[in-house]
């Protein structure tokens, strides 16, 4: 049984005016592979990379990352999230919510459905600062970083209150990836400045929903 490549490019085309820069290019990159793209000057190598990265829109063709078509999506769209490429890294996933045990379970299952195995912590609803960083989450995240239990921490939250925690985890030599949901919840500017990578999960959530419902 064949294994689907992590990255699939199929029939990719890009034209700049009268110049056909990329013409029906197709290839696949397996999980864990290191692949080079070679060719003479002007062959379209840089254009192909820019199309895959989302810096340019293709005129035709498909670009699938882990089975999800990302052609035409912005570079910061959730379907392009860096955690898709963390296969060779040990990563822990964190978030916290206000609510009872059923709410905690519901959030954990919804995040797990998107490909995570998250650590979901309960926040005190009576706290004066509803967006304050949960002390249990902080302790867990720093302890595992100190004992080298992970290479990267993936934080599903965009609040500015997390900046000191992110900075401390990075001081311990770990990467911090921050995922957030759209404009409503957003990503604080100060988090954007200190995180190693950040990405909006809205696109991924929409894609998974369409795959689930067949829409």
C-alpha atoms as a PDB file:
ATOM      1  CA  UNK A   1       0.000   0.000   0.000  1.00  0.00           C
ATOM      2  CA  UNK A   2       1.488   3.347  -1.065  1.00  0.00           C
ATOM      3  CA  UNK A   3       1.881   6.145   1.486  1.00  0.00           C
ATOM      4  CA  UNK A   4       0.602   9.585   0.537  1.00  0.00           C
ATOM      5  CA  UNK A   5       3.423  12.182   0.321  1.00  0.00           C
ATOM      6  CA  UNK A   6       3.510  14.980   2.868  1.00  0.00           C
ATOM      7  CA  UNK A   7       3.709  17.557   0.060  1.00  0.00           C
ATOM      8  CA  UNK A   8       2.064  16.981  -3.332  1.00  0.00           C
ATOM      9  CA  UNK A   9       2.358  19.379  -6.291  1.00  0.00           C
ATOM     10  CA  UNK A  10       0.204  18.550  -9.299  1.00  0.00           C
ATOM     11  CA  UNK A  11      -0.011  20.375 -12.646  1.00  0.00           C
ATOM     12  CA  UNK A  12       1.311  23.638 -11.197  1.00  0.00           C
ATOM     13  CA  UNK A  13       1.254  26.591 -13.632  1.00  0.00           C
ATOM     14  CA  UNK A  14       2.212  30.250 -13.334  1.00  0.00           C
ATOM     15  CA  UNK A  15       2.440  32.892 -16.066  1.00  0.00           C
ATOM     16  CA  UNK A  16       3.832  36.427 -15.814  1.00  0.00           C
ATOM     17  CA  UNK A  17       2.415  38.299 -18.815  1.00  0.00           C
ATOM     18  CA  UNK A  18       3.800  36.529 -21.881  1.00  0.00           C
ATOM     19  CA  UNK A  19       6.262  34.409 -19.867  1.00  0.00           C
ATOM     20  CA  UNK A  20       5.218  30.904 -18.797  1.00  0.00           C
ATOM     21  CA  UNK A  21       7.383  30.644 -15.664  1.00  0.00           C
ATOM     22  CA  UNK A  22       5.989  27.312 -14.438  1.00  0.00           C
ATOM     23  CA  UNK A  23       4.304  24.875 -16.809  1.00  0.00           C
ATOM     24  CA  UNK A  24       2.413  21.837 -15.445  1.00  0.00           C
ATOM     25  CA  UNK A  25       4.961  20.888 -12.762  1.00  0.00           C
ATOM     26  CA  UNK A  26       4.172  17.832 -10.635  1.00  0.00           C
ATOM     27  CA  UNK A  27       6.136  16.128  -7.840  1.00  0.00           C
ATOM     28  CA  UNK A  28       5.744  14.678  -4.345  1.00  0.00           C
ATOM     29  CA  UNK A  29       7.828  14.906  -1.173  1.00  0.00           C
ATOM     30  CA  UNK A  30       7.511  11.944   1.248  1.00  0.00           C
ATOM     31  CA  UNK A  31       7.420  12.327   5.028  1.00  0.00           C
ATOM     32  CA  UNK A  32      10.936  12.783   6.429  1.00  0.00           C
ATOM     33  CA  UNK A  33      12.567  13.276   3.022  1.00  0.00           C
ATOM     34  CA  UNK A  34      15.092  15.973   2.118  1.00  0.00           C
ATOM     35  CA  UNK A  35      14.514  16.956  -1.509  1.00  0.00           C
ATOM     36  CA  UNK A  36      16.368  19.405  -3.737  1.00  0.00           C
ATOM     37  CA  UNK A  37      14.937  21.313  -6.687  1.00  0.00           C
ATOM     38  CA  UNK A  38      17.590  21.949  -9.340  1.00  0.00           C
ATOM     39  CA  UNK A  39      17.622  23.626 -12.734  1.00  0.00           C
ATOM     40  CA  UNK A  40      19.256  26.422 -14.756  1.00  0.00           C
ATOM     41  CA  UNK A  41      18.670  30.122 -14.100  1.00  0.00           C
ATOM     42  CA  UNK A  42      15.164  31.110 -15.121  1.00  0.00           C
ATOM     43  CA  UNK A  43      13.816  27.555 -14.899  1.00  0.00           C
ATOM     44  CA  UNK A  44      11.184  28.613 -12.329  1.00  0.00           C
ATOM     45  CA  UNK A  45      12.656  27.186  -9.114  1.00  0.00           C
ATOM     46  CA  UNK A  46      12.070  30.324  -7.032  1.00  0.00           C
ATOM     47  CA  UNK A  47       8.590  30.762  -8.495  1.00  0.00           C
ATOM     48  CA  UNK A  48       7.688  27.192  -7.488  1.00  0.00           C
ATOM     49  CA  UNK A  49       8.864  27.812  -3.923  1.00  0.00           C
ATOM     50  CA  UNK A  50       6.889  31.068  -3.775  1.00  0.00           C
ATOM     51  CA  UNK A  51       3.775  29.272  -5.034  1.00  0.00           C
ATOM     52  CA  UNK A  52       4.131  26.554  -2.388  1.00  0.00           C
ATOM     53  CA  UNK A  53       4.778  29.132   0.347  1.00  0.00           C
ATOM     54  CA  UNK A  54       1.732  31.184  -0.672  1.00  0.00           C
ATOM     55  CA  UNK A  55       3.682  34.289  -1.698  1.00  0.00           C
ATOM     56  CA  UNK A  56       2.268  33.859  -5.221  1.00  0.00           C
ATOM     57  CA  UNK A  57      -1.042  32.456  -6.495  1.00  0.00           C
ATOM     58  CA  UNK A  58      -0.887  29.716  -9.094  1.00  0.00           C
ATOM     59  CA  UNK A  59      -2.846  29.995 -12.348  1.00  0.00           C
ATOM     60  CA  UNK A  60      -3.642  26.280 -12.327  1.00  0.00           C
ATOM     61  CA  UNK A  61      -2.793  23.117 -10.443  1.00  0.00           C
ATOM     62  CA  UNK A  62      -2.962  21.816  -6.878  1.00  0.00           C
ATOM     63  CA  UNK A  63      -0.641  22.055  -3.871  1.00  0.00           C
ATOM     64  CA  UNK A  64      -1.561  19.613  -1.100  1.00  0.00           C
ATOM     65  CA  UNK A  65       0.063  19.648   2.343  1.00  0.00           C
ATOM     66  CA  UNK A  66      -0.775  16.512   4.316  1.00  0.00           C
ATOM     67  CA  UNK A  67      -3.797  15.973   2.045  1.00  0.00           C
ATOM     68  CA  UNK A  68      -5.174  19.524   2.332  1.00  0.00           C
ATOM     69  CA  UNK A  69      -5.182  21.711  -0.792  1.00  0.00           C
ATOM     70  CA  UNK A  70      -3.372  24.922   0.164  1.00  0.00           C
ATOM     71  CA  UNK A  71      -3.117  26.481  -3.325  1.00  0.00           C
ATOM     72  CA  UNK A  72      -4.206  30.119  -3.131  1.00  0.00           C
ATOM     73  CA  UNK A  73      -4.189  30.320   0.680  1.00  0.00           C
ATOM     74  CA  UNK A  74      -2.299  33.084   2.482  1.00  0.00           C
ATOM     75  CA  UNK A  75       1.069  32.173   4.085  1.00  0.00           C
ATOM     76  CA  UNK A  76      -0.440  32.646   7.575  1.00  0.00           C
ATOM     77  CA  UNK A  77      -3.524  30.513   6.892  1.00  0.00           C
ATOM     78  CA  UNK A  78      -4.064  27.675   9.352  1.00  0.00           C
ATOM     79  CA  UNK A  79      -3.690  24.987   6.690  1.00  0.00           C
ATOM     80  CA  UNK A  80      -0.048  26.069   6.310  1.00  0.00           C
ATOM     81  CA  UNK A  81       0.661  25.887  10.044  1.00  0.00           C
ATOM     82  CA  UNK A  82       4.220  24.964  11.024  1.00  0.00           C
ATOM     83  CA  UNK A  83       3.092  22.114  13.291  1.00  0.00           C
ATOM     84  CA  UNK A  84       2.352  20.104  10.130  1.00  0.00           C
ATOM     85  CA  UNK A  85       6.099  20.022   9.565  1.00  0.00           C
ATOM     86  CA  UNK A  86       7.021  19.116  13.171  1.00  0.00           C
ATOM     87  CA  UNK A  87       7.084  15.377  12.488  1.00  0.00           C
ATOM     88  CA  UNK A  88      10.749  15.083  13.443  1.00  0.00           C
ATOM     89  CA  UNK A  89      10.338  17.175  16.606  1.00  0.00           C
ATOM     90  CA  UNK A  90       8.947  16.371  20.033  1.00  0.00           C
ATOM     91  CA  UNK A  91       6.202  18.902  20.740  1.00  0.00           C
ATOM     92  CA  UNK A  92       3.755  19.599  23.575  1.00  0.00           C
ATOM     93  CA  UNK A  93       0.463  21.429  22.922  1.00  0.00           C
ATOM     94  CA  UNK A  94      -1.081  23.817  25.433  1.00  0.00           C
ATOM     95  CA  UNK A  95      -4.208  25.889  25.931  1.00  0.00           C
ATOM     96  CA  UNK A  96      -6.518  26.868  28.812  1.00  0.00           C
ATOM     97  CA  UNK A  97     -10.247  27.624  29.020  1.00  0.00           C
ATOM     98  CA  UNK A  98     -12.829  28.781  31.525  1.00  0.00           C
ATOM     99  CA  UNK A  99     -15.523  26.181  32.233  1.00  0.00           C
ATOM    100  CA  UNK A 100     -16.395  22.889  33.897  1.00  0.00           C
ATOM    101  CA  UNK A 101     -14.944  19.438  33.210  1.00  0.00           C
ATOM    102  CA  UNK A 102     -17.339  18.877  30.299  1.00  0.00           C
ATOM    103  CA  UNK A 103     -16.107  22.083  28.680  1.00  0.00           C
ATOM    104  CA  UNK A 104     -12.490  20.992  29.158  1.00  0.00           C
ATOM    105  CA  UNK A 105     -13.271  17.621  27.559  1.00  0.00           C
ATOM    106  CA  UNK A 106     -15.114  19.272  24.661  1.00  0.00           C
ATOM    107  CA  UNK A 107     -12.219  21.642  23.906  1.00  0.00           C
ATOM    108  CA  UNK A 108      -9.697  18.800  24.147  1.00  0.00           C
ATOM    109  CA  UNK A 109     -11.661  16.671  21.678  1.00  0.00           C
ATOM    110  CA  UNK A 110     -12.145  19.523  19.208  1.00  0.00           C
ATOM    111  CA  UNK A 111      -8.428  20.303  19.211  1.00  0.00           C
ATOM    112  CA  UNK A 112      -7.565  16.592  18.957  1.00  0.00           C
ATOM    113  CA  UNK A 113      -9.792  16.390  15.858  1.00  0.00           C
ATOM    114  CA  UNK A 114      -7.458  18.913  14.189  1.00  0.00           C
ATOM    115  CA  UNK A 115      -4.424  16.701  14.722  1.00  0.00           C
ATOM    116  CA  UNK A 116      -3.226  17.748  18.199  1.00  0.00           C
ATOM    117  CA  UNK A 117      -2.914  15.833  21.452  1.00  0.00           C
ATOM    118  CA  UNK A 118      -3.396  18.869  23.695  1.00  0.00           C
ATOM    119  CA  UNK A 119      -2.867  19.675  27.359  1.00  0.00           C
ATOM    120  CA  UNK A 120      -6.006  21.673  28.261  1.00  0.00           C
ATOM    121  CA  UNK A 121      -5.959  23.468  31.617  1.00  0.00           C
ATOM    122  CA  UNK A 122      -8.910  24.919  33.511  1.00  0.00           C
ATOM    123  CA  UNK A 123      -8.833  28.649  34.227  1.00  0.00           C
ATOM    124  CA  UNK A 124     -10.471  30.157  37.304  1.00  0.00           C
ATOM    125  CA  UNK A 125     -13.700  31.859  36.189  1.00  0.00           C
ATOM    126  CA  UNK A 126     -13.516  34.095  39.262  1.00  0.00           C
ATOM    127  CA  UNK A 127     -10.117  35.460  38.353  1.00  0.00           C
ATOM    128  CA  UNK A 128      -9.910  39.228  38.107  1.00  0.00           C
ATOM    129  CA  UNK A 129      -8.051  38.778  34.837  1.00  0.00           C
ATOM    130  CA  UNK A 130     -10.027  36.345  32.663  1.00  0.00           C
ATOM    131  CA  UNK A 131      -7.140  36.261  30.177  1.00  0.00           C
ATOM    132  CA  UNK A 132      -4.474  35.725  32.822  1.00  0.00           C
ATOM    133  CA  UNK A 133      -2.004  32.904  32.229  1.00  0.00           C
ATOM    134  CA  UNK A 134      -2.971  29.737  34.095  1.00  0.00           C
ATOM    135  CA  UNK A 135      -0.380  28.897  36.776  1.00  0.00           C
ATOM    136  CA  UNK A 136      -0.714  25.141  36.218  1.00  0.00           C
ATOM    137  CA  UNK A 137      -0.130  25.532  32.479  1.00  0.00           C
ATOM    138  CA  UNK A 138       2.905  27.712  33.192  1.00  0.00           C
ATOM    139  CA  UNK A 139       4.391  25.220  35.643  1.00  0.00           C
ATOM    140  CA  UNK A 140       3.842  22.275  33.285  1.00  0.00           C
ATOM    141  CA  UNK A 141       5.212  24.067  30.234  1.00  0.00           C
ATOM    142  CA  UNK A 142       8.365  25.261  32.014  1.00  0.00           C
ATOM    143  CA  UNK A 143       9.004  21.947  33.812  1.00  0.00           C
ATOM    144  CA  UNK A 144       8.911  19.908  30.610  1.00  0.00           C
ATOM    145  CA  UNK A 145      11.094  22.489  28.858  1.00  0.00           C
ATOM    146  CA  UNK A 146      13.658  22.391  31.685  1.00  0.00           C
ATOM    147  CA  UNK A 147      13.884  18.578  31.566  1.00  0.00           C
ATOM    148  CA  UNK A 148      14.118  18.573  27.732  1.00  0.00           C
ATOM    149  CA  UNK A 149      10.885  16.629  27.275  1.00  0.00           C
ATOM    150  CA  UNK A 150      10.093  18.564  24.090  1.00  0.00           C
ATOM    151  CA  UNK A 151      11.785  20.546  21.337  1.00  0.00           C
ATOM    152  CA  UNK A 152       8.819  22.850  20.710  1.00  0.00           C
ATOM    153  CA  UNK A 153       5.833  24.090  22.676  1.00  0.00           C
ATOM    154  CA  UNK A 154       2.687  24.772  20.637  1.00  0.00           C
ATOM    155  CA  UNK A 155       0.478  27.298  22.416  1.00  0.00           C
ATOM    156  CA  UNK A 156      -3.128  27.582  21.241  1.00  0.00           C
ATOM    157  CA  UNK A 157      -3.709  31.138  22.477  1.00  0.00           C
ATOM    158  CA  UNK A 158      -2.831  34.626  21.328  1.00  0.00           C
ATOM    159  CA  UNK A 159      -3.157  36.704  24.511  1.00  0.00           C
ATOM    160  CA  UNK A 160      -0.386  39.174  25.322  1.00  0.00           C
ATOM    161  CA  UNK A 161      -0.281  37.807  28.880  1.00  0.00           C
ATOM    162  CA  UNK A 162       1.640  34.807  27.544  1.00  0.00           C
ATOM    163  CA  UNK A 163       4.672  36.855  26.461  1.00  0.00           C
ATOM    164  CA  UNK A 164       6.764  36.301  29.659  1.00  0.00           C
ATOM    165  CA  UNK A 165       6.079  32.552  29.508  1.00  0.00           C
ATOM    166  CA  UNK A 166       7.033  32.371  25.830  1.00  0.00           C
ATOM    167  CA  UNK A 167      10.232  34.292  26.519  1.00  0.00           C
ATOM    168  CA  UNK A 168      11.193  31.981  29.388  1.00  0.00           C
ATOM    169  CA  UNK A 169      10.550  28.828  27.336  1.00  0.00           C
ATOM    170  CA  UNK A 170      12.717  30.258  24.552  1.00  0.00           C
ATOM    171  CA  UNK A 171      15.427  31.103  27.100  1.00  0.00           C
ATOM    172  CA  UNK A 172      15.485  27.381  27.916  1.00  0.00           C
ATOM    173  CA  UNK A 173      16.342  26.722  24.278  1.00  0.00           C
ATOM    174  CA  UNK A 174      12.918  25.618  22.999  1.00  0.00           C
ATOM    175  CA  UNK A 175      10.850  26.810  20.046  1.00  0.00           C
ATOM    176  CA  UNK A 176       7.413  28.278  20.673  1.00  0.00           C
ATOM    177  CA  UNK A 177       4.701  28.083  18.010  1.00  0.00           C
ATOM    178  CA  UNK A 178       1.502  30.070  18.633  1.00  0.00           C
ATOM    179  CA  UNK A 179      -1.814  29.147  17.003  1.00  0.00           C
ATOM    180  CA  UNK A 180      -4.920  31.330  17.212  1.00  0.00           C
ATOM    181  CA  UNK A 181      -8.446  31.614  15.806  1.00  0.00           C
ATOM    182  CA  UNK A 182      -9.233  34.512  13.479  1.00  0.00           C
ATOM    183  CA  UNK A 183      -9.826  38.176  14.069  1.00  0.00           C
ATOM    184  CA  UNK A 184     -12.346  37.702  16.888  1.00  0.00           C
ATOM    185  CA  UNK A 185      -9.815  36.163  19.263  1.00  0.00           C
ATOM    186  CA  UNK A 186      -6.744  37.362  17.403  1.00  0.00           C
ATOM    187  CA  UNK A 187      -3.072  37.445  18.119  1.00  0.00           C
ATOM    188  CA  UNK A 188      -1.580  40.171  20.293  1.00  0.00           C
ATOM    189  CA  UNK A 189       1.159  42.217  18.628  1.00  0.00           C
ATOM    190  CA  UNK A 190       3.616  41.463  21.435  1.00  0.00           C
ATOM    191  CA  UNK A 191       3.075  37.702  20.980  1.00  0.00           C
ATOM    192  CA  UNK A 192       3.638  38.096  17.245  1.00  0.00           C
ATOM    193  CA  UNK A 193       7.033  39.640  18.023  1.00  0.00           C
ATOM    194  CA  UNK A 194       8.326  36.952  20.414  1.00  0.00           C
ATOM    195  CA  UNK A 195       6.895  33.699  18.984  1.00  0.00           C
ATOM    196  CA  UNK A 196       9.093  31.643  16.655  1.00  0.00           C
ATOM    197  CA  UNK A 197       6.106  30.994  14.393  1.00  0.00           C
ATOM    198  CA  UNK A 198       2.409  31.863  14.507  1.00  0.00           C
ATOM    199  CA  UNK A 199      -0.588  30.890  12.410  1.00  0.00           C
ATOM    200  CA  UNK A 200      -4.347  31.357  12.177  1.00  0.00           C
ATOM    201  CA  UNK A 201      -6.234  28.064  12.625  1.00  0.00           C
ATOM    202  CA  UNK A 202      -9.431  29.319  10.977  1.00  0.00           C
ATOM    203  CA  UNK A 203      -8.521  27.976   7.534  1.00  0.00           C
ATOM    204  CA  UNK A 204      -7.620  24.569   8.937  1.00  0.00           C
ATOM    205  CA  UNK A 205     -10.832  24.386  10.957  1.00  0.00           C
ATOM    206  CA  UNK A 206     -12.864  25.218   7.848  1.00  0.00           C
ATOM    207  CA  UNK A 207     -11.010  22.631   5.752  1.00  0.00           C
ATOM    208  CA  UNK A 208     -11.492  19.889   8.345  1.00  0.00           C
ATOM    209  CA  UNK A 209     -15.182  20.750   8.662  1.00  0.00           C
ATOM    210  CA  UNK A 210     -15.651  20.505   4.890  1.00  0.00           C
ATOM    211  CA  UNK A 211     -13.841  17.146   4.844  1.00  0.00           C
ATOM    212  CA  UNK A 212     -16.029  15.900   7.691  1.00  0.00           C
ATOM    213  CA  UNK A 213     -19.338  17.031   6.149  1.00  0.00           C
ATOM    214  CA  UNK A 214     -18.417  16.388   2.524  1.00  0.00           C
ATOM    215  CA  UNK A 215     -19.261  19.994   1.625  1.00  0.00           C
END
